[in-house]
Amino acid sequence: MKLVLKTPPAIEPITKTEAKIHLRLAVDAVGAAAYTTEDDLLDRLIETARVQAEQETGRRLITQTWEYYLDAWPDGDVVIPYPPLQSATITYRLEGDAGYDNSFTGFDTDTASEPGRLVLQPGESWPTCVLYPDRPIKVTYVAGYGDSADDVPGPILSAMLLKISDLYEHRGTVVVGAAVNYLQDAVDSLLRQYQVHTRF
């Protein structure tokens, strides 16, 4: 099994304007646009907070495309990492093929389950053939809540803002104390309800 990010999210769920207002670097969008001194830093902090939220929940937030490689056909369903699942296709490579020239369509995409699944349709079975020996099956799938930050649950966005604040305020040596622990507890509490318990 191997996972490869094919198309990263086009946007971050938190904008620089939102981050600046949350950090009290500006009081409105006009002030946020005028304050550009730390834009590069804020870009990194926003991305870091998003990646951490994705890692801690086992989800993906904004629409992105992944390639999921399997070594063999499964005994049952194909369980897809990183919900929410939006859509999926299956291609595979036979022994002697130059690439993933064959496709399989006899499955339904279960986007309601978390993680999502690819379920064989009635009367269908996974192909019986001699597969290429190295990662012969490729599932290309789209994950994420949607294309917009409005699609992401509010508690996840709140957790990201808290994390951005923590990273911004503690860019040097972190002194372990009640305030830091309290903030991390708040982030954990906000993300806990979205954690996916099936890991890959």
C-alpha atoms as a PDB file:
ATOM      1  CA  MET A   1       0.000   0.000   0.000  1.00  0.00           C
ATOM      2  CA  LYS A   2       1.216   3.464  -0.868  1.00  0.00           C
ATOM      3  CA  LEU A   3      -0.436   6.878  -0.795  1.00  0.00           C
ATOM      4  CA  VAL A   4       0.632   9.731  -3.061  1.00  0.00           C
ATOM      5  CA  LEU A   5      -0.807  13.251  -3.055  1.00  0.00           C
ATOM      6  CA  LYS A   6      -1.571  14.040  -6.692  1.00  0.00           C
ATOM      7  CA  THR A   7      -3.326  17.418  -6.419  1.00  0.00           C
ATOM      8  CA  PRO A   8      -2.979  19.441  -3.200  1.00  0.00           C
ATOM      9  CA  PRO A   9      -5.769  21.688  -1.907  1.00  0.00           C
ATOM     10  CA  ALA A  10      -6.159  24.855  -3.949  1.00  0.00           C
ATOM     11  CA  ILE A  11      -6.711  27.013  -0.858  1.00  0.00           C
ATOM     12  CA  GLU A  12      -6.178  26.886   2.887  1.00  0.00           C
ATOM     13  CA  PRO A  13      -9.256  26.740   5.143  1.00  0.00           C
ATOM     14  CA  ILE A  14      -8.064  29.831   7.032  1.00  0.00           C
ATOM     15  CA  THR A  15      -7.179  33.025   5.147  1.00  0.00           C
ATOM     16  CA  LYS A  16      -4.408  35.406   6.137  1.00  0.00           C
ATOM     17  CA  THR A  17      -7.077  38.027   6.844  1.00  0.00           C
ATOM     18  CA  GLU A  18      -8.815  35.706   9.309  1.00  0.00           C
ATOM     19  CA  ALA A  19      -5.493  34.853  10.938  1.00  0.00           C
ATOM     20  CA  LYS A  20      -4.478  38.509  11.275  1.00  0.00           C
ATOM     21  CA  ILE A  21      -7.776  39.488  12.855  1.00  0.00           C
ATOM     22  CA  HIS A  22      -7.625  36.491  15.213  1.00  0.00           C
ATOM     23  CA  LEU A  23      -4.062  37.432  16.223  1.00  0.00           C
ATOM     24  CA  ARG A  24      -5.167  41.063  16.672  1.00  0.00           C
ATOM     25  CA  LEU A  25      -2.719  42.247  14.058  1.00  0.00           C
ATOM     26  CA  ALA A  26      -5.656  43.994  12.370  1.00  0.00           C
ATOM     27  CA  VAL A  27      -9.234  44.854  13.249  1.00  0.00           C
ATOM     28  CA  ASP A  28     -10.752  44.419   9.790  1.00  0.00           C
ATOM     29  CA  ALA A  29     -10.024  43.305   6.234  1.00  0.00           C
ATOM     30  CA  VAL A  30      -8.639  46.725   5.257  1.00  0.00           C
ATOM     31  CA  GLY A  31      -6.135  46.674   8.092  1.00  0.00           C
ATOM     32  CA  ALA A  32      -5.226  43.071   7.341  1.00  0.00           C
ATOM     33  CA  ALA A  33      -4.508  43.924   3.700  1.00  0.00           C
ATOM     34  CA  ALA A  34      -2.295  46.823   4.784  1.00  0.00           C
ATOM     35  CA  TYR A  35      -0.250  44.734   7.236  1.00  0.00           C
ATOM     36  CA  THR A  36       1.991  42.511   5.106  1.00  0.00           C
ATOM     37  CA  THR A  37       5.145  42.340   7.236  1.00  0.00           C
ATOM     38  CA  GLU A  38       4.533  38.778   8.424  1.00  0.00           C
ATOM     39  CA  ASP A  39       2.639  37.360   5.463  1.00  0.00           C
ATOM     40  CA  ASP A  40       5.226  34.654   4.728  1.00  0.00           C
ATOM     41  CA  LEU A  41       5.242  33.563   8.360  1.00  0.00           C
ATOM     42  CA  LEU A  42       1.451  33.472   8.498  1.00  0.00           C
ATOM     43  CA  ASP A  43       1.298  31.401   5.303  1.00  0.00           C
ATOM     44  CA  ARG A  44       3.552  28.805   6.952  1.00  0.00           C
ATOM     45  CA  LEU A  45       1.620  28.826  10.226  1.00  0.00           C
ATOM     46  CA  ILE A  46      -1.724  28.395   8.459  1.00  0.00           C
ATOM     47  CA  GLU A  47      -0.408  25.466   6.432  1.00  0.00           C
ATOM     48  CA  THR A  48       1.140  23.910   9.546  1.00  0.00           C
ATOM     49  CA  ALA A  49      -2.123  24.228  11.481  1.00  0.00           C
ATOM     50  CA  ARG A  50      -4.062  22.640   8.618  1.00  0.00           C
ATOM     51  CA  VAL A  51      -1.615  19.751   8.271  1.00  0.00           C
ATOM     52  CA  GLN A  52      -1.736  19.139  12.027  1.00  0.00           C
ATOM     53  CA  ALA A  53      -5.547  19.174  12.038  1.00  0.00           C
ATOM     54  CA  GLU A  54      -5.558  16.679   9.167  1.00  0.00           C
ATOM     55  CA  GLN A  55      -3.039  14.425  10.912  1.00  0.00           C
ATOM     56  CA  GLU A  56      -4.842  14.481  14.241  1.00  0.00           C
ATOM     57  CA  THR A  57      -8.268  13.782  12.756  1.00  0.00           C
ATOM     58  CA  GLY A  58      -7.166  11.423   9.981  1.00  0.00           C
ATOM     59  CA  ARG A  59      -9.211  13.557   7.564  1.00  0.00           C
ATOM     60  CA  ARG A  60      -8.575  15.906   4.683  1.00  0.00           C
ATOM     61  CA  LEU A  61     -10.227  19.312   4.796  1.00  0.00           C
ATOM     62  CA  ILE A  62     -10.214  21.062   1.409  1.00  0.00           C
ATOM     63  CA  THR A  63     -10.710  19.068  -1.836  1.00  0.00           C
ATOM     64  CA  GLN A  64      -7.546  17.226  -2.890  1.00  0.00           C
ATOM     65  CA  THR A  65      -6.719  14.230  -5.090  1.00  0.00           C
ATOM     66  CA  TRP A  66      -4.812  11.156  -3.910  1.00  0.00           C
ATOM     67  CA  GLU A  67      -3.466   8.015  -5.532  1.00  0.00           C
ATOM     68  CA  TYR A  68      -3.819   4.892  -3.398  1.00  0.00           C
ATOM     69  CA  TYR A  69      -1.800   1.898  -4.602  1.00  0.00           C
ATOM     70  CA  LEU A  70      -2.686  -1.679  -3.640  1.00  0.00           C
ATOM     71  CA  ASP A  71      -0.597  -4.813  -4.060  1.00  0.00           C
ATOM     72  CA  ALA A  72      -3.574  -7.123  -4.595  1.00  0.00           C
ATOM     73  CA  TRP A  73      -7.342  -7.145  -4.915  1.00  0.00           C
ATOM     74  CA  PRO A  74      -9.038  -7.143  -1.499  1.00  0.00           C
ATOM     75  CA  ASP A  75     -11.162  -9.917  -0.016  1.00  0.00           C
ATOM     76  CA  GLY A  76     -13.983  -7.410   0.489  1.00  0.00           C
ATOM     77  CA  ASP A  77     -14.394  -3.659   0.184  1.00  0.00           C
ATOM     78  CA  VAL A  78     -11.606  -1.186  -0.535  1.00  0.00           C
ATOM     79  CA  VAL A  79     -11.466   1.144   2.456  1.00  0.00           C
ATOM     80  CA  ILE A  80     -10.244   4.589   1.400  1.00  0.00           C
ATOM     81  CA  PRO A  81      -7.977   6.646   3.697  1.00  0.00           C
ATOM     82  CA  TYR A  82      -8.574  10.283   4.640  1.00  0.00           C
ATOM     83  CA  PRO A  83     -12.326  10.971   4.592  1.00  0.00           C
ATOM     84  CA  PRO A  84     -14.561  12.557   3.561  1.00  0.00           C
ATOM     85  CA  LEU A  85     -14.476  10.625   0.282  1.00  0.00           C
ATOM     86  CA  GLN A  86     -15.986  12.420  -2.706  1.00  0.00           C
ATOM     87  CA  SER A  87     -15.297  10.156  -5.706  1.00  0.00           C
ATOM     88  CA  ALA A  88     -12.962   7.415  -6.919  1.00  0.00           C
ATOM     89  CA  THR A  89     -11.781   5.480  -9.974  1.00  0.00           C
ATOM     90  CA  ILE A  90      -9.845   2.219 -10.207  1.00  0.00           C
ATOM     91  CA  THR A  91      -7.210   1.376 -12.804  1.00  0.00           C
ATOM     92  CA  TYR A  92      -4.810  -1.557 -12.777  1.00  0.00           C
ATOM     93  CA  ARG A  93      -1.714  -2.864 -14.447  1.00  0.00           C
ATOM     94  CA  LEU A  94      -1.284  -6.382 -15.767  1.00  0.00           C
ATOM     95  CA  GLU A  95       1.963  -8.271 -16.018  1.00  0.00           C
ATOM     96  CA  GLY A  96       3.686  -6.941 -19.143  1.00  0.00           C
ATOM     97  CA  ASP A  97       1.725  -3.682 -19.256  1.00  0.00           C
ATOM     98  CA  ALA A  98       3.611  -0.401 -19.522  1.00  0.00           C
ATOM     99  CA  GLY A  99       1.111   1.479 -17.363  1.00  0.00           C
ATOM    100  CA  TYR A 100      -2.293   1.419 -15.712  1.00  0.00           C
ATOM    101  CA  ASP A 101      -4.135   0.677 -18.945  1.00  0.00           C
ATOM    102  CA  ASN A 102      -7.100  -1.237 -17.521  1.00  0.00           C
ATOM    103  CA  SER A 103     -10.050   0.174 -15.609  1.00  0.00           C
ATOM    104  CA  PHE A 104     -12.626  -1.446 -13.346  1.00  0.00           C
ATOM    105  CA  THR A 105     -16.055   0.106 -12.883  1.00  0.00           C
ATOM    106  CA  GLY A 106     -18.067  -2.637 -11.193  1.00  0.00           C
ATOM    107  CA  PHE A 107     -18.180  -0.927  -7.818  1.00  0.00           C
ATOM    108  CA  ASP A 108     -20.187   1.687  -5.958  1.00  0.00           C
ATOM    109  CA  THR A 109     -18.548   4.555  -4.094  1.00  0.00           C
ATOM    110  CA  ASP A 110     -19.785   4.677  -0.514  1.00  0.00           C
ATOM    111  CA  THR A 111     -19.254   8.290   0.518  1.00  0.00           C
ATOM    112  CA  ALA A 112     -21.542   8.042   3.552  1.00  0.00           C
ATOM    113  CA  SER A 113     -19.258   5.728   5.522  1.00  0.00           C
ATOM    114  CA  GLU A 114     -16.182   7.077   7.265  1.00  0.00           C
ATOM    115  CA  PRO A 115     -13.729   6.073   6.016  1.00  0.00           C
ATOM    116  CA  GLY A 116     -15.357   5.814   2.599  1.00  0.00           C
ATOM    117  CA  ARG A 117     -15.458   2.482   0.780  1.00  0.00           C
ATOM    118  CA  LEU A 118     -15.511   1.070  -2.719  1.00  0.00           C
ATOM    119  CA  VAL A 119     -18.108  -1.717  -2.664  1.00  0.00           C
ATOM    120  CA  LEU A 120     -18.569  -4.356  -5.337  1.00  0.00           C
ATOM    121  CA  GLN A 121     -21.872  -4.090  -7.173  1.00  0.00           C
ATOM    122  CA  PRO A 122     -24.219  -7.107  -7.048  1.00  0.00           C
ATOM    123  CA  GLY A 123     -22.951  -9.869  -9.305  1.00  0.00           C
ATOM    124  CA  GLU A 124     -19.533  -8.268  -9.714  1.00  0.00           C
ATOM    125  CA  SER A 125     -16.158  -9.566  -8.548  1.00  0.00           C
ATOM    126  CA  TRP A 126     -12.694  -8.119  -8.558  1.00  0.00           C
ATOM    127  CA  PRO A 127     -10.795  -8.934 -11.786  1.00  0.00           C
ATOM    128  CA  THR A 128      -9.066 -12.309 -11.992  1.00  0.00           C
ATOM    129  CA  CYS A 129      -5.799 -11.752 -13.835  1.00  0.00           C
ATOM    130  CA  VAL A 130      -2.049 -11.837 -13.449  1.00  0.00           C
ATOM    131  CA  LEU A 131      -1.138  -8.440 -12.021  1.00  0.00           C
ATOM    132  CA  TYR A 132       2.102  -6.534 -12.361  1.00  0.00           C
ATOM    133  CA  PRO A 133       4.253  -7.422  -9.321  1.00  0.00           C
ATOM    134  CA  ASP A 134       4.721  -3.892  -7.918  1.00  0.00           C
ATOM    135  CA  ARG A 135       1.683  -1.848  -6.802  1.00  0.00           C
ATOM    136  CA  PRO A 136      -0.504  -2.984  -9.702  1.00  0.00           C
ATOM    137  CA  ILE A 137      -3.802  -1.425  -8.553  1.00  0.00           C
ATOM    138  CA  LYS A 138      -4.276   2.342  -8.462  1.00  0.00           C
ATOM    139  CA  VAL A 139      -7.264   3.998  -6.824  1.00  0.00           C
ATOM    140  CA  THR A 140      -7.423   7.680  -7.751  1.00  0.00           C
ATOM    141  CA  TYR A 141      -9.767   9.472  -5.410  1.00  0.00           C
ATOM    142  CA  VAL A 142     -10.927  12.904  -4.331  1.00  0.00           C
ATOM    143  CA  ALA A 143     -11.100  13.656  -0.610  1.00  0.00           C
ATOM    144  CA  GLY A 144     -12.095  16.632   1.504  1.00  0.00           C
ATOM    145  CA  TYR A 145     -15.188  18.442   2.736  1.00  0.00           C
ATOM    146  CA  GLY A 146     -15.331  20.632  -0.364  1.00  0.00           C
ATOM    147  CA  ASP A 147     -13.641  23.400  -2.345  1.00  0.00           C
ATOM    148  CA  SER A 148     -14.442  26.178   0.125  1.00  0.00           C
ATOM    149  CA  ALA A 149     -13.531  26.901   3.731  1.00  0.00           C
ATOM    150  CA  ASP A 150     -17.279  27.172   4.356  1.00  0.00           C
ATOM    151  CA  ASP A 151     -17.488  23.404   3.770  1.00  0.00           C
ATOM    152  CA  VAL A 152     -15.135  22.646   6.703  1.00  0.00           C
ATOM    153  CA  PRO A 153     -16.780  22.174  10.124  1.00  0.00           C
ATOM    154  CA  GLY A 154     -16.485  25.246  12.351  1.00  0.00           C
ATOM    155  CA  PRO A 155     -14.828  23.461  15.313  1.00  0.00           C
ATOM    156  CA  ILE A 156     -11.947  22.349  13.060  1.00  0.00           C
ATOM    157  CA  LEU A 157     -11.456  25.934  11.883  1.00  0.00           C
ATOM    158  CA  SER A 158     -11.528  27.117  15.512  1.00  0.00           C
ATOM    159  CA  ALA A 159      -8.899  24.529  16.436  1.00  0.00           C
ATOM    160  CA  MET A 160      -6.735  25.755  13.571  1.00  0.00           C
ATOM    161  CA  LEU A 161      -7.003  29.364  14.735  1.00  0.00           C
ATOM    162  CA  LEU A 162      -6.012  28.350  18.271  1.00  0.00           C
ATOM    163  CA  LYS A 163      -3.020  26.455  16.890  1.00  0.00           C
ATOM    164  CA  ILE A 164      -1.999  29.394  14.692  1.00  0.00           C
ATOM    165  CA  SER A 165      -2.150  31.641  17.753  1.00  0.00           C
ATOM    166  CA  ASP A 166      -0.008  29.215  19.754  1.00  0.00           C
ATOM    167  CA  LEU A 167       2.577  28.891  16.977  1.00  0.00           C
ATOM    168  CA  TYR A 168       2.676  32.658  16.488  1.00  0.00           C
ATOM    169  CA  GLU A 169       3.094  33.463  20.181  1.00  0.00           C
ATOM    170  CA  HIS A 170       5.675  30.756  20.858  1.00  0.00           C
ATOM    171  CA  ARG A 171       8.113  31.054  17.972  1.00  0.00           C
ATOM    172  CA  GLY A 172      11.092  30.697  20.288  1.00  0.00           C
ATOM    173  CA  THR A 173      11.618  28.442  23.269  1.00  0.00           C
ATOM    174  CA  VAL A 174       8.355  27.136  24.685  1.00  0.00           C
ATOM    175  CA  VAL A 175       8.023  27.289  28.452  1.00  0.00           C
ATOM    176  CA  VAL A 176       5.833  24.396  29.517  1.00  0.00           C
ATOM    177  CA  GLY A 177       3.024  25.631  31.704  1.00  0.00           C
ATOM    178  CA  ALA A 178      -0.673  25.674  32.382  1.00  0.00           C
ATOM    179  CA  ALA A 179      -1.513  28.174  29.636  1.00  0.00           C
ATOM    180  CA  VAL A 180       0.165  26.123  26.904  1.00  0.00           C
ATOM    181  CA  ASN A 181      -1.397  22.890  28.196  1.00  0.00           C
ATOM    182  CA  TYR A 182      -4.814  24.530  28.355  1.00  0.00           C
ATOM    183  CA  LEU A 183      -4.567  25.662  24.740  1.00  0.00           C
ATOM    184  CA  GLN A 184      -3.550  22.213  23.521  1.00  0.00           C
ATOM    185  CA  ASP A 185      -6.387  20.698  25.561  1.00  0.00           C
ATOM    186  CA  ALA A 186      -8.801  23.065  23.808  1.00  0.00           C
ATOM    187  CA  VAL A 187      -7.427  22.115  20.362  1.00  0.00           C
ATOM    188  CA  ASP A 188      -7.666  18.404  21.213  1.00  0.00           C
ATOM    189  CA  SER A 189     -11.223  18.826  22.478  1.00  0.00           C
ATOM    190  CA  LEU A 190     -12.332  20.563  19.282  1.00  0.00           C
ATOM    191  CA  LEU A 191     -10.742  17.942  17.026  1.00  0.00           C
ATOM    192  CA  ARG A 192     -11.628  14.837  19.027  1.00  0.00           C
ATOM    193  CA  GLN A 193     -15.160  14.486  17.680  1.00  0.00           C
ATOM    194  CA  TYR A 194     -13.814  14.421  14.096  1.00  0.00           C
ATOM    195  CA  GLN A 195     -11.143  11.780  14.625  1.00  0.00           C
ATOM    196  CA  VAL A 196     -11.288   8.781  12.291  1.00  0.00           C
ATOM    197  CA  HIS A 197     -10.380   5.647  14.190  1.00  0.00           C
ATOM    198  CA  THR A 198      -9.361   3.529  11.191  1.00  0.00           C
ATOM    199  CA  ARG A 199      -5.708   4.301  10.449  1.00  0.00           C
ATOM    200  CA  PHE A 200      -3.609   3.279   7.461  1.00  0.00           C
END
